[in-house]
Every structure is written in C-alpha cells, then in structure tokens.
Amino acid sequence: MPVVVSISRYSLGMALKDHSREAHFPLIEKKYGHKMSYWFSVMKDLADEKYPAQIAYLRENHGFSQAHANALVMYSRGSTSTRKYETPAAYYKTIGKDQAKVMRTIFKTIATKYPKAELVIAWNQPMMKIGTDYVFGATAATKHILISPWSADVIAEFAPRMPDLVVKKKTIGVPNDWAVDTKLILALVKARLAECK
C-alpha cells in the first residue's frame, strides 16, 4: 500500500486475511507432494544455513515459489506470522513520539469527518479504510513520514497544493513534526472516495 518507506503493496488493494505462515501449508503439501512433516525435516537439515541459502535450496531443488519458500523458512525460524503489529497503538510504540502524534492527528481528522472509517493495520502499517476501500495510509521513515491517499491520480491532482512537501508518484513525505494540514488531508480523502464509487 504496501506507504512503505513507500506503501509496500500499494497496488494490491486488499490486506491478507490470514497472516499466519501456516496458511500456506495446505498448498505447499498439495503443490510439492509431501506432508509438512517432510518439509520440517528438510528445514532441520538446513538449520545452520542462512536465510538466503535456505530459500535458494527450496527454490532450486524443490521448485518452491518465493512466497512458499519464505513461509516455510520463516516458520522454521520461529516467525509464525507476517503481522508485526496487532493494533495501530502497538505500531506507534515503535516510532518517534512526534511521528506518532502526527499520525494520530491525521487519522483522528479522517475518523471525525468519516465516522464509518476504520483504522487498521495492513502490511504492518496503519491504514484507514471505509468499507472495503483503503483511503489513507502512513508509515514512519527515519527522517520523515510518508502518507498516501492510495491513489497516484489523487496525489498528482493535489501536487500543486503541496509545494513544501516531498511529493512522489505514490507517496507524500511530510516532516516528523508536521503541523497537520487537516484541510489537505480531508481533501485527499474526499478525492480518493470519489474514485472508489
């Protein structure tokens, strides 16, 4: 989406419903012809290898896709979920206080205007959605915050109104201590919602 230090899966449009690595296991068994107990024994034999070598082994010797190899390798390394944060509050604890304050202000502004808006974690970043449509997202980088209304067209339309911000094709960079321009935020969301109709 999805903002990532760009919104990392920006073009996907929907969050994964099951964040567990185990969600891949039934298809791994079906596609590669062995029960998971077999694949766990393979991973046990590769336990001393580094991540890239483990991935390469599964891909080159067993025809694994990158997604399936990653699910098996990461599960074997103790990471059972792709989700890092369960709530926006948990995400805010991992970033700077100024950044968290700016993000909270942005999302509160949107929620006040659009009571049906829901603040969720998607692609390990806080995202605002209304119904099934993502309308705004943010992520903290080291020197700035990246925000996005989930639309390159909306960003392009509003670029002239943002001369002091770092405007890219899919994201808008704002300072970590940005005095949130609530009118701009609401205008971006309104334009995004018009696209979603």
N, C-alpha and C. Protein backbone atom coordinates (compact mmCIF):
# COMPACT_ATOMS: atom_id res chain seq x y z
N MET A 1 0.90 -0.58 0.00
CA MET A 1 0.00 0.00 0.00
C MET A 1 0.98 0.63 0.00
N PRO A 2 2.41 -1.69 0.81
CA PRO A 2 2.27 -1.60 0.82
C PRO A 2 3.03 0.06 1.08
N VAL A 3 1.96 2.86 1.80
CA VAL A 3 3.13 3.60 2.28
C VAL A 3 4.16 2.57 2.73
N VAL A 4 5.36 2.69 2.44
CA VAL A 4 6.40 1.77 2.91
C VAL A 4 7.49 2.68 3.12
N VAL A 5 8.13 2.64 3.61
CA VAL A 5 9.15 3.59 3.27
C VAL A 5 8.76 3.72 1.83
N SER A 6 7.66 3.41 1.52
CA SER A 6 6.80 3.58 0.35
C SER A 6 5.66 2.66 0.72
N ILE A 7 4.45 2.85 0.21
CA ILE A 7 3.40 1.94 0.63
C ILE A 7 3.67 0.64 -0.08
N SER A 8 4.15 -0.33 0.65
CA SER A 8 4.75 -1.51 0.07
C SER A 8 3.90 -2.31 -0.87
N ARG A 9 2.66 -2.53 -0.57
CA ARG A 9 1.87 -3.31 -1.51
C ARG A 9 0.72 -2.47 -2.00
N TYR A 10 1.06 -1.26 -2.30
CA TYR A 10 0.13 -0.21 -2.71
C TYR A 10 -0.88 -0.67 -3.73
N SER A 11 -0.45 -1.42 -4.72
CA SER A 11 -1.35 -1.76 -5.81
C SER A 11 -2.24 -2.96 -5.53
N LEU A 12 -2.04 -3.63 -4.43
CA LEU A 12 -2.82 -4.85 -4.17
C LEU A 12 -4.27 -4.56 -3.79
N GLY A 13 -4.48 -3.51 -3.02
CA GLY A 13 -5.84 -3.11 -2.73
C GLY A 13 -6.53 -3.81 -1.58
N MET A 14 -6.06 -4.99 -1.17
CA MET A 14 -6.71 -5.67 -0.05
C MET A 14 -5.66 -6.35 0.81
N ALA A 15 -5.89 -6.33 2.11
CA ALA A 15 -4.95 -6.97 3.04
C ALA A 15 -5.19 -8.47 3.05
N LEU A 16 -4.14 -9.19 3.38
CA LEU A 16 -4.28 -10.63 3.53
C LEU A 16 -5.16 -10.90 4.74
N LYS A 17 -6.05 -11.88 4.65
CA LYS A 17 -6.96 -12.16 5.75
C LYS A 17 -6.30 -13.02 6.82
N ASP A 18 -5.47 -13.97 6.44
CA ASP A 18 -4.79 -14.84 7.39
C ASP A 18 -3.31 -14.55 7.34
N HIS A 19 -2.79 -13.99 8.41
CA HIS A 19 -1.40 -13.56 8.45
C HIS A 19 -0.45 -14.66 8.92
N SER A 20 -0.98 -15.84 9.23
CA SER A 20 -0.11 -16.90 9.73
C SER A 20 0.68 -17.53 8.60
N ARG A 21 1.89 -17.94 8.90
CA ARG A 21 2.71 -18.67 7.92
C ARG A 21 2.03 -20.00 7.58
N GLU A 22 1.34 -20.56 8.57
CA GLU A 22 0.69 -21.87 8.38
C GLU A 22 -0.41 -21.84 7.32
N ALA A 23 -0.90 -20.66 7.00
CA ALA A 23 -1.93 -20.56 5.97
C ALA A 23 -1.44 -21.09 4.63
N HIS A 24 -0.12 -21.09 4.44
CA HIS A 24 0.48 -21.59 3.19
C HIS A 24 0.64 -23.11 3.17
N PHE A 25 0.57 -23.74 4.33
CA PHE A 25 0.92 -25.15 4.42
C PHE A 25 0.06 -26.09 3.57
N PRO A 26 -1.26 -25.94 3.55
CA PRO A 26 -2.06 -26.86 2.71
C PRO A 26 -1.65 -26.82 1.23
N LEU A 27 -1.40 -25.63 0.74
CA LEU A 27 -0.99 -25.52 -0.66
C LEU A 27 0.42 -26.04 -0.88
N ILE A 28 1.30 -25.85 0.09
CA ILE A 28 2.66 -26.40 -0.01
C ILE A 28 2.59 -27.92 -0.12
N GLU A 29 1.77 -28.54 0.74
CA GLU A 29 1.63 -30.00 0.68
C GLU A 29 1.09 -30.45 -0.68
N LYS A 30 0.07 -29.77 -1.15
CA LYS A 30 -0.56 -30.14 -2.41
C LYS A 30 0.37 -29.93 -3.60
N LYS A 31 1.02 -28.77 -3.62
CA LYS A 31 1.82 -28.40 -4.79
C LYS A 31 3.15 -29.14 -4.88
N TYR A 32 3.76 -29.44 -3.72
CA TYR A 32 5.10 -30.02 -3.74
C TYR A 32 5.14 -31.48 -3.31
N GLY A 33 3.96 -32.07 -3.08
CA GLY A 33 3.84 -33.52 -2.95
C GLY A 33 4.29 -34.18 -1.67
N HIS A 34 4.48 -33.42 -0.60
CA HIS A 34 4.89 -34.02 0.67
C HIS A 34 4.14 -33.36 1.82
N LYS A 35 3.94 -34.12 2.89
CA LYS A 35 3.34 -33.59 4.11
C LYS A 35 4.31 -32.59 4.75
N MET A 36 3.79 -31.73 5.60
CA MET A 36 4.63 -30.72 6.24
C MET A 36 5.71 -31.36 7.11
N SER A 37 5.46 -32.53 7.65
CA SER A 37 6.50 -33.19 8.46
C SER A 37 7.77 -33.42 7.63
N TYR A 38 7.59 -33.73 6.35
CA TYR A 38 8.74 -33.90 5.47
C TYR A 38 9.49 -32.58 5.30
N TRP A 39 8.73 -31.49 5.06
CA TRP A 39 9.37 -30.20 4.84
C TRP A 39 10.04 -29.68 6.11
N PHE A 40 9.47 -30.01 7.27
CA PHE A 40 10.13 -29.61 8.52
C PHE A 40 11.45 -30.35 8.69
N SER A 41 11.50 -31.62 8.25
CA SER A 41 12.76 -32.37 8.34
C SER A 41 13.80 -31.78 7.38
N VAL A 42 13.34 -31.34 6.22
CA VAL A 42 14.26 -30.67 5.27
C VAL A 42 14.82 -29.41 5.93
N MET A 43 13.96 -28.64 6.57
CA MET A 43 14.42 -27.42 7.22
C MET A 43 15.35 -27.70 8.39
N LYS A 44 15.12 -28.81 9.07
CA LYS A 44 16.00 -29.19 10.17
C LYS A 44 17.41 -29.44 9.65
N ASP A 45 17.50 -30.08 8.48
CA ASP A 45 18.81 -30.34 7.87
C ASP A 45 19.48 -29.04 7.42
N LEU A 46 18.68 -28.01 7.16
CA LEU A 46 19.21 -26.72 6.70
C LEU A 46 19.33 -25.70 7.82
N ALA A 47 19.14 -26.13 9.05
CA ALA A 47 19.06 -25.21 10.19
C ALA A 47 20.29 -24.31 10.34
N ASP A 48 21.45 -24.79 9.97
CA ASP A 48 22.68 -23.99 10.13
C ASP A 48 22.92 -23.03 8.97
N GLU A 49 22.09 -23.10 7.94
CA GLU A 49 22.26 -22.22 6.78
C GLU A 49 21.61 -20.87 7.04
N LYS A 50 22.07 -19.86 6.33
CA LYS A 50 21.46 -18.53 6.43
C LYS A 50 20.19 -18.49 5.58
N TYR A 51 19.36 -17.49 5.86
CA TYR A 51 18.08 -17.34 5.18
C TYR A 51 18.20 -17.44 3.66
N PRO A 52 19.09 -16.68 3.00
CA PRO A 52 19.15 -16.75 1.53
C PRO A 52 19.47 -18.16 1.01
N ALA A 53 20.33 -18.87 1.72
CA ALA A 53 20.69 -20.23 1.30
C ALA A 53 19.51 -21.18 1.47
N GLN A 54 18.75 -21.02 2.52
CA GLN A 54 17.57 -21.87 2.74
C GLN A 54 16.53 -21.63 1.65
N ILE A 55 16.28 -20.36 1.35
CA ILE A 55 15.32 -20.01 0.29
C ILE A 55 15.80 -20.59 -1.05
N ALA A 56 17.07 -20.38 -1.36
CA ALA A 56 17.62 -20.86 -2.63
C ALA A 56 17.51 -22.38 -2.74
N TYR A 57 17.75 -23.08 -1.64
CA TYR A 57 17.67 -24.54 -1.67
C TYR A 57 16.25 -25.00 -2.03
N LEU A 58 15.27 -24.42 -1.37
CA LEU A 58 13.88 -24.81 -1.64
C LEU A 58 13.46 -24.46 -3.07
N ARG A 59 13.89 -23.33 -3.55
CA ARG A 59 13.52 -22.91 -4.90
C ARG A 59 14.23 -23.74 -5.96
N GLU A 60 15.52 -23.97 -5.78
CA GLU A 60 16.30 -24.66 -6.81
C GLU A 60 16.11 -26.17 -6.80
N ASN A 61 15.92 -26.74 -5.62
CA ASN A 61 15.84 -28.20 -5.53
C ASN A 61 14.42 -28.75 -5.47
N HIS A 62 13.47 -27.90 -5.09
CA HIS A 62 12.10 -28.39 -4.95
C HIS A 62 11.08 -27.56 -5.72
N GLY A 63 11.52 -26.52 -6.43
CA GLY A 63 10.62 -25.72 -7.25
C GLY A 63 9.68 -24.81 -6.48
N PHE A 64 10.02 -24.50 -5.23
CA PHE A 64 9.18 -23.63 -4.41
C PHE A 64 9.08 -22.23 -5.02
N SER A 65 7.91 -21.63 -4.87
CA SER A 65 7.77 -20.21 -5.19
C SER A 65 8.44 -19.43 -4.06
N GLN A 66 8.70 -18.16 -4.30
CA GLN A 66 9.32 -17.32 -3.26
C GLN A 66 8.41 -17.25 -2.03
N ALA A 67 7.10 -17.08 -2.25
CA ALA A 67 6.16 -16.95 -1.13
C ALA A 67 6.12 -18.22 -0.28
N HIS A 68 6.09 -19.37 -0.93
CA HIS A 68 6.04 -20.63 -0.17
C HIS A 68 7.36 -20.90 0.55
N ALA A 69 8.46 -20.61 -0.14
CA ALA A 69 9.77 -20.81 0.50
C ALA A 69 9.89 -19.89 1.71
N ASN A 70 9.48 -18.65 1.56
CA ASN A 70 9.57 -17.70 2.66
C ASN A 70 8.71 -18.15 3.84
N ALA A 71 7.49 -18.62 3.56
CA ALA A 71 6.60 -19.07 4.64
C ALA A 71 7.23 -20.22 5.42
N LEU A 72 7.79 -21.20 4.72
CA LEU A 72 8.40 -22.36 5.39
C LEU A 72 9.66 -21.97 6.14
N VAL A 73 10.51 -21.19 5.50
CA VAL A 73 11.76 -20.78 6.15
C VAL A 73 11.49 -19.94 7.39
N MET A 74 10.63 -18.95 7.26
CA MET A 74 10.36 -18.08 8.40
C MET A 74 9.67 -18.83 9.54
N TYR A 75 8.74 -19.73 9.20
CA TYR A 75 8.10 -20.54 10.23
C TYR A 75 9.13 -21.37 10.97
N SER A 76 10.05 -21.97 10.20
CA SER A 76 11.10 -22.81 10.79
C SER A 76 12.05 -22.00 11.67
N ARG A 77 12.12 -20.71 11.40
CA ARG A 77 12.98 -19.82 12.19
C ARG A 77 12.23 -19.22 13.38
N GLY A 78 10.97 -19.60 13.56
CA GLY A 78 10.21 -19.16 14.73
C GLY A 78 9.25 -18.01 14.49
N SER A 79 9.17 -17.53 13.25
CA SER A 79 8.23 -16.45 12.94
C SER A 79 6.96 -17.08 12.38
N THR A 80 5.91 -17.11 13.19
CA THR A 80 4.69 -17.80 12.79
C THR A 80 3.67 -16.90 12.11
N SER A 81 3.96 -15.60 12.05
CA SER A 81 3.01 -14.67 11.43
C SER A 81 3.74 -13.59 10.66
N THR A 82 3.10 -13.10 9.60
CA THR A 82 3.67 -11.98 8.87
C THR A 82 3.31 -10.66 9.52
N ARG A 83 2.40 -10.71 10.47
CA ARG A 83 1.94 -9.49 11.14
C ARG A 83 2.87 -9.14 12.29
N LYS A 84 3.41 -7.90 12.24
CA LYS A 84 4.29 -7.43 13.31
C LYS A 84 3.52 -6.71 14.41
N TYR A 85 2.45 -6.03 14.03
CA TYR A 85 1.70 -5.22 14.98
C TYR A 85 0.23 -5.60 14.93
N GLU A 86 -0.35 -5.81 16.07
CA GLU A 86 -1.77 -6.17 16.12
C GLU A 86 -2.67 -4.95 16.05
N THR A 87 -2.18 -3.81 16.53
CA THR A 87 -3.00 -2.60 16.58
C THR A 87 -2.17 -1.39 16.17
N PRO A 88 -2.84 -0.30 15.76
CA PRO A 88 -2.10 0.93 15.49
C PRO A 88 -1.32 1.40 16.72
N ALA A 89 -1.89 1.24 17.91
CA ALA A 89 -1.20 1.65 19.13
C ALA A 89 0.14 0.92 19.28
N ALA A 90 0.15 -0.36 18.93
CA ALA A 90 1.40 -1.14 19.01
C ALA A 90 2.41 -0.59 17.99
N TYR A 91 1.92 -0.23 16.82
CA TYR A 91 2.81 0.37 15.81
C TYR A 91 3.40 1.68 16.31
N TYR A 92 2.56 2.55 16.90
CA TYR A 92 3.01 3.85 17.37
C TYR A 92 4.13 3.73 18.41
N LYS A 93 4.13 2.66 19.17
CA LYS A 93 5.17 2.48 20.20
C LYS A 93 6.54 2.23 19.58
N THR A 94 6.58 1.89 18.31
CA THR A 94 7.86 1.57 17.66
C THR A 94 8.45 2.75 16.89
N ILE A 95 7.76 3.88 16.89
CA ILE A 95 8.23 5.05 16.13
C ILE A 95 8.42 6.22 17.08
N GLY A 96 8.97 7.32 16.55
CA GLY A 96 9.20 8.51 17.37
C GLY A 96 7.90 9.14 17.86
N LYS A 97 7.99 9.84 18.99
CA LYS A 97 6.80 10.47 19.58
C LYS A 97 6.18 11.50 18.65
N ASP A 98 7.03 12.30 17.99
CA ASP A 98 6.50 13.29 17.06
C ASP A 98 5.78 12.61 15.90
N GLN A 99 6.38 11.54 15.38
CA GLN A 99 5.76 10.81 14.28
C GLN A 99 4.41 10.23 14.69
N ALA A 100 4.38 9.63 15.87
CA ALA A 100 3.12 9.04 16.36
C ALA A 100 2.05 10.12 16.53
N LYS A 101 2.45 11.29 17.04
CA LYS A 101 1.50 12.39 17.24
C LYS A 101 0.92 12.84 15.90
N VAL A 102 1.77 12.99 14.88
CA VAL A 102 1.31 13.41 13.57
C VAL A 102 0.34 12.38 13.00
N MET A 103 0.70 11.09 13.07
CA MET A 103 -0.18 10.04 12.53
C MET A 103 -1.51 10.01 13.26
N ARG A 104 -1.47 10.10 14.57
CA ARG A 104 -2.73 10.09 15.33
C ARG A 104 -3.62 11.25 14.91
N THR A 105 -3.03 12.42 14.71
CA THR A 105 -3.79 13.60 14.31
C THR A 105 -4.41 13.39 12.93
N ILE A 106 -3.63 12.84 12.01
CA ILE A 106 -4.14 12.58 10.65
C ILE A 106 -5.34 11.64 10.71
N PHE A 107 -5.17 10.51 11.40
CA PHE A 107 -6.24 9.51 11.42
C PHE A 107 -7.45 9.98 12.23
N LYS A 108 -7.23 10.78 13.27
CA LYS A 108 -8.35 11.33 14.03
C LYS A 108 -9.14 12.31 13.17
N THR A 109 -8.42 13.10 12.37
CA THR A 109 -9.08 14.04 11.46
C THR A 109 -10.00 13.31 10.50
N ILE A 110 -9.50 12.22 9.94
CA ILE A 110 -10.30 11.44 8.99
C ILE A 110 -11.49 10.78 9.69
N ALA A 111 -11.24 10.19 10.86
CA ALA A 111 -12.31 9.49 11.58
C ALA A 111 -13.41 10.45 12.05
N THR A 112 -13.04 11.68 12.39
CA THR A 112 -14.03 12.66 12.82
C THR A 112 -14.96 13.03 11.67
N LYS A 113 -14.40 13.20 10.48
CA LYS A 113 -15.19 13.56 9.31
C LYS A 113 -15.97 12.36 8.77
N TYR A 114 -15.36 11.18 8.87
CA TYR A 114 -15.97 9.95 8.32
C TYR A 114 -16.09 8.92 9.45
N PRO A 115 -17.18 8.97 10.23
CA PRO A 115 -17.33 8.07 11.38
C PRO A 115 -17.29 6.58 11.04
N LYS A 116 -17.57 6.23 9.79
CA LYS A 116 -17.53 4.82 9.41
C LYS A 116 -16.12 4.35 9.06
N ALA A 117 -15.18 5.26 9.06
CA ALA A 117 -13.79 4.90 8.75
C ALA A 117 -13.23 4.01 9.86
N GLU A 118 -12.40 3.08 9.46
CA GLU A 118 -11.81 2.13 10.40
C GLU A 118 -10.29 2.18 10.27
N LEU A 119 -9.61 2.36 11.39
CA LEU A 119 -8.15 2.37 11.41
C LEU A 119 -7.67 0.94 11.67
N VAL A 120 -6.90 0.40 10.74
CA VAL A 120 -6.44 -0.98 10.82
C VAL A 120 -4.94 -1.04 10.57
N ILE A 121 -4.39 -2.20 10.85
CA ILE A 121 -3.01 -2.48 10.45
C ILE A 121 -3.08 -3.35 9.20
N ALA A 122 -2.47 -2.89 8.12
CA ALA A 122 -2.38 -3.65 6.89
C ALA A 122 -0.96 -3.49 6.36
N TRP A 123 -0.35 -4.58 5.96
CA TRP A 123 1.05 -4.55 5.53
C TRP A 123 1.94 -3.93 6.60
N ASN A 124 1.59 -4.21 7.87
CA ASN A 124 2.35 -3.76 9.03
C ASN A 124 2.45 -2.24 9.14
N GLN A 125 1.43 -1.54 8.68
CA GLN A 125 1.37 -0.09 8.77
C GLN A 125 -0.07 0.33 9.06
N PRO A 126 -0.25 1.48 9.72
CA PRO A 126 -1.62 1.94 9.97
C PRO A 126 -2.27 2.43 8.68
N MET A 127 -3.47 1.94 8.43
CA MET A 127 -4.21 2.31 7.23
C MET A 127 -5.66 2.61 7.62
N MET A 128 -6.22 3.59 6.95
CA MET A 128 -7.62 3.93 7.17
C MET A 128 -8.44 3.38 6.01
N LYS A 129 -9.50 2.67 6.34
CA LYS A 129 -10.37 2.16 5.30
C LYS A 129 -11.82 2.49 5.61
N ILE A 130 -12.58 2.62 4.56
CA ILE A 130 -14.02 2.85 4.69
C ILE A 130 -14.68 1.76 3.86
N GLY A 131 -15.41 0.88 4.53
CA GLY A 131 -15.93 -0.30 3.86
C GLY A 131 -14.76 -1.17 3.45
N THR A 132 -14.68 -1.52 2.18
CA THR A 132 -13.57 -2.36 1.71
C THR A 132 -12.47 -1.54 1.03
N ASP A 133 -12.64 -0.23 0.99
CA ASP A 133 -11.68 0.63 0.28
C ASP A 133 -10.69 1.28 1.24
N TYR A 134 -9.41 1.13 0.93
CA TYR A 134 -8.38 1.84 1.67
C TYR A 134 -8.34 3.27 1.16
N VAL A 135 -8.37 4.23 2.08
CA VAL A 135 -8.44 5.63 1.68
C VAL A 135 -7.23 6.44 2.15
N PHE A 136 -6.48 5.92 3.11
CA PHE A 136 -5.32 6.66 3.57
C PHE A 136 -4.39 5.74 4.34
N GLY A 137 -3.09 5.98 4.19
CA GLY A 137 -2.11 5.19 4.92
C GLY A 137 -0.92 6.05 5.29
N ALA A 138 -0.15 5.57 6.27
CA ALA A 138 1.04 6.30 6.70
C ALA A 138 2.09 5.31 7.19
N THR A 139 3.34 5.71 7.06
CA THR A 139 4.42 4.92 7.61
C THR A 139 5.55 5.85 8.02
N ALA A 140 6.28 5.47 9.04
CA ALA A 140 7.37 6.30 9.54
C ALA A 140 8.69 5.86 8.92
N ALA A 141 9.40 6.80 8.34
CA ALA A 141 10.76 6.57 7.88
C ALA A 141 11.68 7.26 8.89
N THR A 142 12.96 7.24 8.66
CA THR A 142 13.88 7.82 9.63
C THR A 142 13.73 9.33 9.74
N LYS A 143 13.71 10.00 8.60
CA LYS A 143 13.73 11.46 8.62
C LYS A 143 12.39 12.10 8.29
N HIS A 144 11.38 11.31 8.02
CA HIS A 144 10.08 11.86 7.65
C HIS A 144 8.99 10.80 7.78
N ILE A 145 7.77 11.22 7.52
CA ILE A 145 6.62 10.32 7.49
C ILE A 145 6.12 10.30 6.06
N LEU A 146 5.79 9.13 5.56
CA LEU A 146 5.19 9.02 4.24
C LEU A 146 3.69 8.79 4.41
N ILE A 147 2.90 9.56 3.68
CA ILE A 147 1.45 9.41 3.72
C ILE A 147 0.97 9.18 2.30
N SER A 148 -0.23 8.60 2.18
CA SER A 148 -0.78 8.37 0.85
C SER A 148 -2.29 8.17 0.91
N PRO A 149 -2.99 8.75 -0.07
CA PRO A 149 -4.43 8.51 -0.19
C PRO A 149 -4.73 7.30 -1.07
N TRP A 150 -3.74 6.44 -1.28
CA TRP A 150 -3.91 5.22 -2.06
C TRP A 150 -4.28 5.51 -3.51
N SER A 151 -3.77 6.60 -4.06
CA SER A 151 -4.09 6.93 -5.44
C SER A 151 -3.03 7.85 -6.02
N ALA A 152 -2.32 7.37 -7.04
CA ALA A 152 -1.35 8.20 -7.73
C ALA A 152 -2.04 9.37 -8.43
N ASP A 153 -3.26 9.14 -8.93
CA ASP A 153 -4.00 10.20 -9.61
C ASP A 153 -4.37 11.33 -8.65
N VAL A 154 -4.80 10.97 -7.45
CA VAL A 154 -5.15 12.00 -6.45
C VAL A 154 -3.90 12.79 -6.06
N ILE A 155 -2.79 12.09 -5.85
CA ILE A 155 -1.56 12.78 -5.49
C ILE A 155 -1.16 13.76 -6.60
N ALA A 156 -1.22 13.32 -7.84
CA ALA A 156 -0.87 14.18 -8.97
C ALA A 156 -1.77 15.41 -9.03
N GLU A 157 -3.06 15.19 -8.77
CA GLU A 157 -4.02 16.30 -8.81
C GLU A 157 -3.71 17.35 -7.75
N PHE A 158 -3.29 16.88 -6.57
CA PHE A 158 -3.08 17.80 -5.44
C PHE A 158 -1.63 18.28 -5.32
N ALA A 159 -0.72 17.77 -6.14
CA ALA A 159 0.69 18.15 -6.05
C ALA A 159 0.92 19.66 -6.02
N PRO A 160 0.22 20.44 -6.84
CA PRO A 160 0.43 21.90 -6.81
C PRO A 160 0.10 22.53 -5.44
N ARG A 161 -0.76 21.87 -4.67
CA ARG A 161 -1.13 22.39 -3.34
C ARG A 161 -0.14 21.98 -2.26
N MET A 162 0.91 21.23 -2.65
CA MET A 162 1.86 20.72 -1.66
C MET A 162 3.31 21.07 -2.01
N PRO A 163 3.61 22.34 -2.30
CA PRO A 163 4.96 22.70 -2.73
C PRO A 163 6.03 22.48 -1.66
N ASP A 164 5.64 22.50 -0.39
CA ASP A 164 6.62 22.34 0.69
C ASP A 164 6.79 20.89 1.14
N LEU A 165 6.07 19.98 0.50
CA LEU A 165 6.17 18.57 0.86
C LEU A 165 6.91 17.81 -0.23
N VAL A 166 7.38 16.62 0.09
CA VAL A 166 8.10 15.80 -0.88
C VAL A 166 7.08 14.90 -1.58
N VAL A 167 6.66 15.30 -2.76
CA VAL A 167 5.61 14.59 -3.48
C VAL A 167 6.23 13.63 -4.48
N LYS A 168 5.92 12.35 -4.32
CA LYS A 168 6.34 11.31 -5.26
C LYS A 168 5.09 10.77 -5.94
N LYS A 169 5.26 9.78 -6.79
CA LYS A 169 4.12 9.24 -7.53
C LYS A 169 3.07 8.62 -6.61
N LYS A 170 3.51 7.87 -5.59
CA LYS A 170 2.56 7.15 -4.74
C LYS A 170 2.56 7.60 -3.29
N THR A 171 3.48 8.48 -2.91
CA THR A 171 3.56 8.91 -1.52
C THR A 171 3.83 10.40 -1.41
N ILE A 172 3.55 10.92 -0.23
CA ILE A 172 3.82 12.32 0.10
C ILE A 172 4.65 12.31 1.37
N GLY A 173 5.83 12.89 1.33
CA GLY A 173 6.67 12.95 2.51
C GLY A 173 6.40 14.21 3.30
N VAL A 174 6.15 14.04 4.60
CA VAL A 174 5.91 15.18 5.49
C VAL A 174 6.92 15.12 6.62
N PRO A 175 7.25 16.27 7.22
CA PRO A 175 8.22 16.26 8.34
C PRO A 175 7.70 15.46 9.53
N ASN A 176 8.62 14.96 10.32
CA ASN A 176 8.24 14.18 11.51
C ASN A 176 7.41 15.00 12.50
N ASP A 177 7.61 16.32 12.50
CA ASP A 177 6.86 17.18 13.42
C ASP A 177 5.87 18.07 12.66
N TRP A 178 5.33 17.55 11.57
CA TRP A 178 4.44 18.30 10.68
C TRP A 178 3.24 18.85 11.44
N ALA A 179 2.93 20.13 11.20
CA ALA A 179 1.68 20.71 11.70
C ALA A 179 0.62 20.27 10.69
N VAL A 180 -0.13 19.25 11.03
CA VAL A 180 -1.02 18.59 10.08
C VAL A 180 -1.99 19.56 9.42
N ASP A 181 -1.97 19.57 8.11
CA ASP A 181 -2.90 20.38 7.32
C ASP A 181 -4.19 19.56 7.17
N THR A 182 -5.09 19.76 8.11
CA THR A 182 -6.31 18.94 8.14
C THR A 182 -7.17 19.14 6.89
N LYS A 183 -7.19 20.37 6.35
CA LYS A 183 -7.96 20.61 5.13
C LYS A 183 -7.41 19.80 3.97
N LEU A 184 -6.10 19.75 3.87
CA LEU A 184 -5.46 18.97 2.81
C LEU A 184 -5.77 17.48 2.98
N ILE A 185 -5.64 16.98 4.20
CA ILE A 185 -5.90 15.56 4.46
C ILE A 185 -7.32 15.20 4.05
N LEU A 186 -8.29 16.01 4.48
CA LEU A 186 -9.69 15.72 4.16
C LEU A 186 -9.97 15.85 2.67
N ALA A 187 -9.32 16.78 2.00
CA ALA A 187 -9.50 16.92 0.55
C ALA A 187 -8.93 15.70 -0.18
N LEU A 188 -7.79 15.19 0.27
CA LEU A 188 -7.20 13.99 -0.33
C LEU A 188 -8.13 12.79 -0.16
N VAL A 189 -8.67 12.64 1.05
CA VAL A 189 -9.58 11.52 1.31
C VAL A 189 -10.86 11.65 0.48
N LYS A 190 -11.39 12.86 0.40
CA LYS A 190 -12.61 13.08 -0.39
C LYS A 190 -12.37 12.71 -1.86
N ALA A 191 -11.24 13.11 -2.39
CA ALA A 191 -10.92 12.77 -3.78
C ALA A 191 -10.74 11.26 -3.95
N ARG A 192 -10.12 10.63 -2.98
CA ARG A 192 -9.95 9.17 -3.03
C ARG A 192 -11.30 8.46 -3.00
N LEU A 193 -12.18 8.92 -2.13
CA LEU A 193 -13.51 8.31 -2.04
C LEU A 193 -14.30 8.47 -3.32
N ALA A 194 -14.12 9.60 -4.00
CA ALA A 194 -14.81 9.82 -5.28
C ALA A 194 -14.36 8.78 -6.31
N GLU A 195 -13.10 8.38 -6.24
CA GLU A 195 -12.58 7.32 -7.13
C GLU A 195 -13.19 5.97 -6.82
N CYS A 196 -13.50 5.74 -5.57
CA CYS A 196 -13.96 4.43 -5.12
C CYS A 196 -15.43 4.16 -5.47
N LYS A 197 -16.16 5.17 -5.88
CA LYS A 197 -17.58 4.99 -6.16
C LYS A 197 -17.79 4.22 -7.45
